[in-house]
Amino acid sequence: MIDSHCHLAGDDFAADLDAVVARARTAGVAGALVILAAGDPAEEAQAGRVVELWDAVRFAIGVHPHAAQAFADAPARAAEVVRAQFARMPLARAVGEIGLDYHYDFAPRDVQQQVFRAQVRLARELARPVVIHTREADDDTMAILADEGQGEVRGVLHCFTGTPALARAGLDLGFCLSVAGILTFPKASELRATIGTVPLDRLLVETDSPFLSPVPLRGRRNEPAHVAYVADALAAVHGIGRDELVRRTTANFDALFAP
């Protein structure tokens, strides 16, 4: 299994990172894509420790929409911060997580959009995939991806919980959809129905740890080992065994994020 989205370089894992990595390996997690906040020196330093413990990890680097306000005076600077960090990190594979979040609006929407646009342009220039966060902003998110990506940028809609229309829009752009622990929630029947229509060659699994622990671990800190619960839930949705699901999603991850 591959955990296609986790935040192992954050403060939540600083005290017991070695044990977290050991549990992931014991659970059969072969690797992970670790998300880094661009321009955060503490996370970048912690990323080095993650690699020492788990050389199979790869990284995505981006300015999250919640942090876009820091670049309000010069949105293009967000892309330059990401570019500089890419140059320092040979295991960087994707630009992200980036996108739009109109639920919290921690940054003005026009600022979020400009920062997002700059980073999609960078991904196209670098020929790198993107990891997309979208919340209550689906139309604008997909429009910017189509506009700035120019049909060349691929990526993943991370922690997908959207509508069938969003799933179709993502697939039409050549994107994968990644599901997290929400897929296991009892009230997520609509999500399971939508994900059941997505081709297996366009699906990934993730934890988004330390967030969104799956059933039966709700209320605890999430971690990469728990992606096994997501894999089991996704296998059940598609009516296949876990081994086949793992084989397919691992191949999808490798194709998108190029080991």
Protein backbone atom coordinates (compact mmCIF):
# COMPACT_ATOMS: atom_id res chain seq x y z
CA MET A 1 0.00 0.00 0.00
CA ILE A 2 0.97 3.61 -0.54
CA ASP A 3 -0.32 6.43 1.65
CA SER A 4 -0.69 9.05 -1.06
CA HIS A 5 -1.18 12.00 1.31
CA CYS A 6 0.08 12.48 4.86
CA HIS A 7 1.71 15.18 6.97
CA LEU A 8 4.50 13.23 8.63
CA ALA A 9 6.80 16.25 8.81
CA GLY A 10 4.40 18.16 11.06
CA ASP A 11 4.52 18.72 14.79
CA ASP A 12 2.01 15.96 15.50
CA PHE A 13 4.61 13.29 14.69
CA ALA A 14 7.77 14.95 16.00
CA ALA A 15 7.86 13.03 19.29
CA ASP A 16 7.37 9.48 17.99
CA LEU A 17 8.15 9.55 14.28
CA ASP A 18 10.29 6.41 14.45
CA ALA A 19 7.44 4.41 15.99
CA VAL A 20 4.94 5.79 13.46
CA VAL A 21 7.17 4.72 10.56
CA ALA A 22 7.70 1.30 12.11
CA ARG A 23 3.95 0.75 12.46
CA ALA A 24 3.40 1.79 8.85
CA ARG A 25 5.94 -0.75 7.61
CA THR A 26 4.46 -3.48 9.80
CA ALA A 27 1.02 -2.71 8.33
CA GLY A 28 2.38 -3.21 4.81
CA VAL A 29 2.64 0.43 3.81
CA ALA A 30 5.45 0.51 1.26
CA GLY A 31 5.74 4.28 0.92
CA ALA A 32 4.04 7.63 1.28
CA LEU A 33 3.72 11.07 -0.25
CA VAL A 34 4.49 13.54 2.52
CA ILE A 35 2.98 17.01 2.16
CA LEU A 36 5.16 20.00 3.07
CA ALA A 37 4.12 23.60 3.58
CA ALA A 38 6.33 25.62 1.25
CA GLY A 39 8.69 27.96 3.05
CA ASP A 40 8.33 26.29 6.45
CA PRO A 41 11.89 25.64 7.67
CA ALA A 42 10.76 23.42 10.55
CA GLU A 43 8.86 21.08 8.23
CA GLU A 44 11.70 21.04 5.74
CA ALA A 45 14.13 20.04 8.49
CA GLN A 46 11.75 17.36 9.76
CA ALA A 47 11.45 16.04 6.22
CA GLY A 48 15.13 15.12 6.40
CA ARG A 49 14.45 13.03 9.47
CA VAL A 50 11.52 11.35 7.74
CA VAL A 51 13.79 10.28 4.89
CA GLU A 52 16.40 8.92 7.28
CA LEU A 53 13.74 6.66 8.80
CA TRP A 54 11.84 5.81 5.61
CA ASP A 55 13.70 6.20 2.34
CA ALA A 56 10.62 5.21 0.33
CA VAL A 57 8.84 8.50 1.04
CA ARG A 58 8.44 11.23 -1.54
CA PHE A 59 7.35 14.84 -1.07
CA ALA A 60 4.85 17.36 -2.34
CA ILE A 61 5.56 21.05 -1.70
CA GLY A 62 3.04 23.84 -1.98
CA VAL A 63 1.33 26.89 -0.51
CA HIS A 64 -2.01 25.79 0.92
CA PRO A 65 -4.96 28.13 0.30
CA HIS A 66 -5.11 28.80 4.05
CA ALA A 67 -1.61 30.33 3.78
CA ALA A 68 -2.22 32.34 0.61
CA GLN A 69 -2.64 35.63 2.49
CA ALA A 70 1.13 35.71 3.14
CA PHE A 71 1.56 36.28 -0.62
CA ALA A 72 -1.23 38.82 -1.11
CA ASP A 73 1.20 41.55 -2.18
CA ALA A 74 2.95 39.32 -4.75
CA PRO A 75 1.10 36.06 -5.54
CA ALA A 76 3.76 34.93 -8.01
CA ARG A 77 6.22 34.79 -5.12
CA ALA A 78 4.41 31.70 -3.82
CA ALA A 79 5.54 29.78 -6.88
CA GLU A 80 9.10 30.99 -6.44
CA VAL A 81 9.17 29.74 -2.85
CA VAL A 82 8.01 26.35 -4.08
CA ARG A 83 10.54 26.37 -6.92
CA ALA A 84 13.42 27.11 -4.54
CA GLN A 85 12.40 24.33 -2.17
CA PHE A 86 12.08 21.87 -5.07
CA ALA A 87 15.68 22.66 -5.98
CA ARG A 88 16.79 21.75 -2.46
CA MET A 89 14.80 18.51 -2.23
CA PRO A 90 15.56 15.82 -4.82
CA LEU A 91 12.73 13.64 -3.52
CA ALA A 92 10.09 16.30 -4.30
CA ARG A 93 7.61 14.89 -6.79
CA ALA A 94 4.55 17.16 -6.81
CA VAL A 95 3.32 20.70 -6.23
CA GLY A 96 0.83 20.65 -3.41
CA GLU A 97 -1.27 20.71 -1.60
CA ILE A 98 -2.64 23.71 -3.43
CA GLY A 99 -6.11 24.89 -4.38
CA LEU A 100 -9.02 26.88 -3.02
CA ASP A 101 -10.92 26.80 0.26
CA TYR A 102 -14.06 28.93 0.42
CA HIS A 103 -15.31 27.27 3.60
CA TYR A 104 -12.86 28.99 5.93
CA ASP A 105 -11.78 31.88 3.68
CA PHE A 106 -8.58 32.39 5.69
CA ALA A 107 -7.37 34.37 2.67
CA PRO A 108 -9.48 36.51 0.32
CA ARG A 109 -10.76 34.47 -2.58
CA ASP A 110 -9.04 36.56 -5.22
CA VAL A 111 -5.72 36.09 -3.42
CA GLN A 112 -6.28 32.34 -3.14
CA GLN A 113 -7.02 32.20 -6.85
CA GLN A 114 -3.90 34.12 -7.85
CA VAL A 115 -1.63 32.05 -5.61
CA PHE A 116 -3.23 28.86 -6.96
CA ARG A 117 -2.79 30.00 -10.56
CA ALA A 118 0.88 30.76 -10.02
CA GLN A 119 1.52 27.29 -8.62
CA VAL A 120 -0.35 25.48 -11.41
CA ARG A 121 1.75 27.41 -13.91
CA LEU A 122 4.86 26.30 -12.03
CA ALA A 123 3.73 22.67 -12.10
CA ARG A 124 3.24 22.92 -15.87
CA GLU A 125 6.70 24.46 -16.26
CA LEU A 126 8.33 21.77 -14.12
CA ALA A 127 6.22 18.98 -15.66
CA ARG A 128 5.12 17.93 -12.18
CA PRO A 129 1.73 16.73 -10.97
CA VAL A 130 -0.35 18.73 -8.52
CA VAL A 131 -2.08 17.73 -5.28
CA ILE A 132 -5.39 19.60 -5.07
CA HIS A 133 -7.34 20.80 -2.05
CA THR A 134 -10.80 22.12 -2.89
CA ARG A 135 -13.57 22.93 -0.46
CA GLU A 136 -16.79 24.69 -1.46
CA ALA A 137 -14.90 26.01 -4.49
CA ASP A 138 -15.24 23.23 -7.03
CA ASP A 139 -16.18 25.29 -10.10
CA ASP A 140 -13.38 27.81 -9.60
CA THR A 141 -10.85 25.09 -8.79
CA MET A 142 -11.56 23.12 -11.92
CA ALA A 143 -11.70 26.23 -14.10
CA ILE A 144 -8.24 27.34 -12.93
CA LEU A 145 -6.82 23.85 -13.44
CA ALA A 146 -8.17 23.78 -16.99
CA ASP A 147 -7.04 27.33 -17.73
CA GLU A 148 -3.54 27.27 -16.28
CA GLY A 149 -2.88 23.56 -16.79
CA GLN A 150 -3.62 23.82 -20.52
CA GLY A 151 -4.27 20.09 -20.67
CA GLU A 152 -0.69 19.33 -19.61
CA VAL A 153 -0.95 19.21 -15.81
CA ARG A 154 -2.05 15.99 -14.12
CA GLY A 155 -2.56 15.29 -10.47
CA VAL A 156 -4.92 14.17 -7.76
CA LEU A 157 -8.02 15.56 -6.08
CA HIS A 158 -6.97 14.70 -2.56
CA CYS A 159 -9.35 13.52 0.16
CA PHE A 160 -12.15 13.38 -2.36
CA THR A 161 -15.61 13.90 -0.84
CA GLY A 162 -17.22 15.68 -3.77
CA THR A 163 -20.16 15.25 -6.08
CA PRO A 164 -20.40 13.00 -9.12
CA ALA A 165 -20.01 16.17 -11.20
CA LEU A 166 -16.68 17.01 -9.53
CA ALA A 167 -15.51 13.43 -9.99
CA ARG A 168 -16.36 13.61 -13.69
CA ALA A 169 -14.63 16.98 -14.07
CA GLY A 170 -11.49 15.64 -12.43
CA LEU A 171 -11.46 12.51 -14.54
CA ASP A 172 -11.99 14.57 -17.69
CA LEU A 173 -8.85 16.55 -16.85
CA GLY A 174 -6.90 13.30 -16.45
CA PHE A 175 -6.75 13.49 -12.66
CA CYS A 176 -6.86 10.71 -10.09
CA LEU A 177 -9.17 10.82 -7.08
CA SER A 178 -7.81 9.92 -3.66
CA VAL A 179 -10.00 8.72 -0.81
CA ALA A 180 -9.29 8.96 2.90
CA GLY A 181 -10.87 7.70 6.12
CA ILE A 182 -14.14 9.48 5.36
CA LEU A 183 -14.92 6.58 3.03
CA THR A 184 -15.33 4.37 6.13
CA PHE A 185 -17.79 6.68 7.90
CA PRO A 186 -21.32 5.27 8.28
CA LYS A 187 -22.91 8.41 6.80
CA ALA A 188 -20.66 8.42 3.71
CA SER A 189 -23.00 6.34 1.55
CA GLU A 190 -23.19 9.02 -1.17
CA LEU A 191 -19.40 9.18 -1.33
CA ARG A 192 -19.17 5.40 -1.61
CA ALA A 193 -21.71 5.47 -4.44
CA THR A 194 -19.72 8.12 -6.31
CA ILE A 195 -16.38 6.39 -5.79
CA GLY A 196 -17.91 3.15 -7.00
CA THR A 197 -18.25 4.73 -10.45
CA VAL A 198 -14.60 5.81 -10.68
CA PRO A 199 -12.35 3.49 -12.70
CA LEU A 200 -9.81 1.59 -10.64
CA ASP A 201 -6.96 3.02 -12.68
CA ARG A 202 -7.80 6.50 -11.41
CA LEU A 203 -7.98 5.86 -7.66
CA LEU A 204 -5.54 6.36 -4.78
CA VAL A 205 -5.78 5.83 -1.03
CA GLU A 206 -4.54 8.18 1.67
CA THR A 207 -4.78 8.98 5.35
CA ASP A 208 -4.38 12.79 5.39
CA SER A 209 -2.86 11.99 8.77
CA PRO A 210 -2.87 13.22 11.46
CA PHE A 211 -6.45 14.03 10.45
CA LEU A 212 -9.54 11.95 9.56
CA SER A 213 -8.92 8.67 11.35
CA PRO A 214 -11.01 5.91 9.79
CA VAL A 215 -13.57 3.72 11.50
CA PRO A 216 -12.85 2.07 13.97
CA LEU A 217 -10.20 4.57 15.09
CA ARG A 218 -12.23 7.78 15.19
CA GLY A 219 -11.03 10.20 17.84
CA ARG A 220 -7.40 9.07 17.68
CA ARG A 221 -4.52 10.64 15.82
CA ASN A 222 -4.38 9.24 12.33
CA GLU A 223 -1.14 7.85 10.87
CA PRO A 224 0.02 6.09 7.68
CA ALA A 225 -0.50 2.57 9.06
CA HIS A 226 -4.23 3.26 9.09
CA VAL A 227 -4.41 3.53 5.30
CA ALA A 228 -5.12 -0.21 5.41
CA TYR A 229 -8.64 0.56 6.64
CA VAL A 230 -9.18 2.89 3.69
CA ALA A 231 -7.87 0.25 1.28
CA ASP A 232 -10.28 -2.33 2.70
CA ALA A 233 -13.21 0.07 2.38
CA LEU A 234 -12.32 0.95 -1.20
CA ALA A 235 -11.88 -2.70 -2.12
CA ALA A 236 -15.35 -3.42 -0.73
CA VAL A 237 -16.85 -0.54 -2.76
CA HIS A 238 -15.41 -2.03 -5.95
CA GLY A 239 -16.07 -5.63 -5.01
CA ILE A 240 -12.46 -6.80 -5.22
CA GLY A 241 -9.92 -8.17 -2.75
CA ARG A 242 -7.47 -6.02 -0.88
CA ASP A 243 -4.47 -7.46 -2.76
CA GLU A 244 -5.92 -6.45 -6.11
CA LEU A 245 -6.88 -3.02 -4.81
CA VAL A 246 -3.38 -2.47 -3.44
CA ARG A 247 -1.82 -3.57 -6.71
CA ARG A 248 -3.96 -1.17 -8.72
CA THR A 249 -3.62 1.87 -6.46
CA THR A 250 0.13 1.37 -6.09
CA ALA A 251 0.50 1.28 -9.87
CA ASN A 252 -1.55 4.47 -10.10
CA PHE A 253 0.65 6.18 -7.53
CA ASP A 254 3.84 5.13 -9.29
CA ALA A 255 2.55 6.32 -12.65
CA LEU A 256 1.58 9.72 -11.28
CA PHE A 257 4.43 10.45 -8.90
CA ALA A 258 7.26 8.63 -10.71
CA PRO A 259 9.41 6.84 -8.12
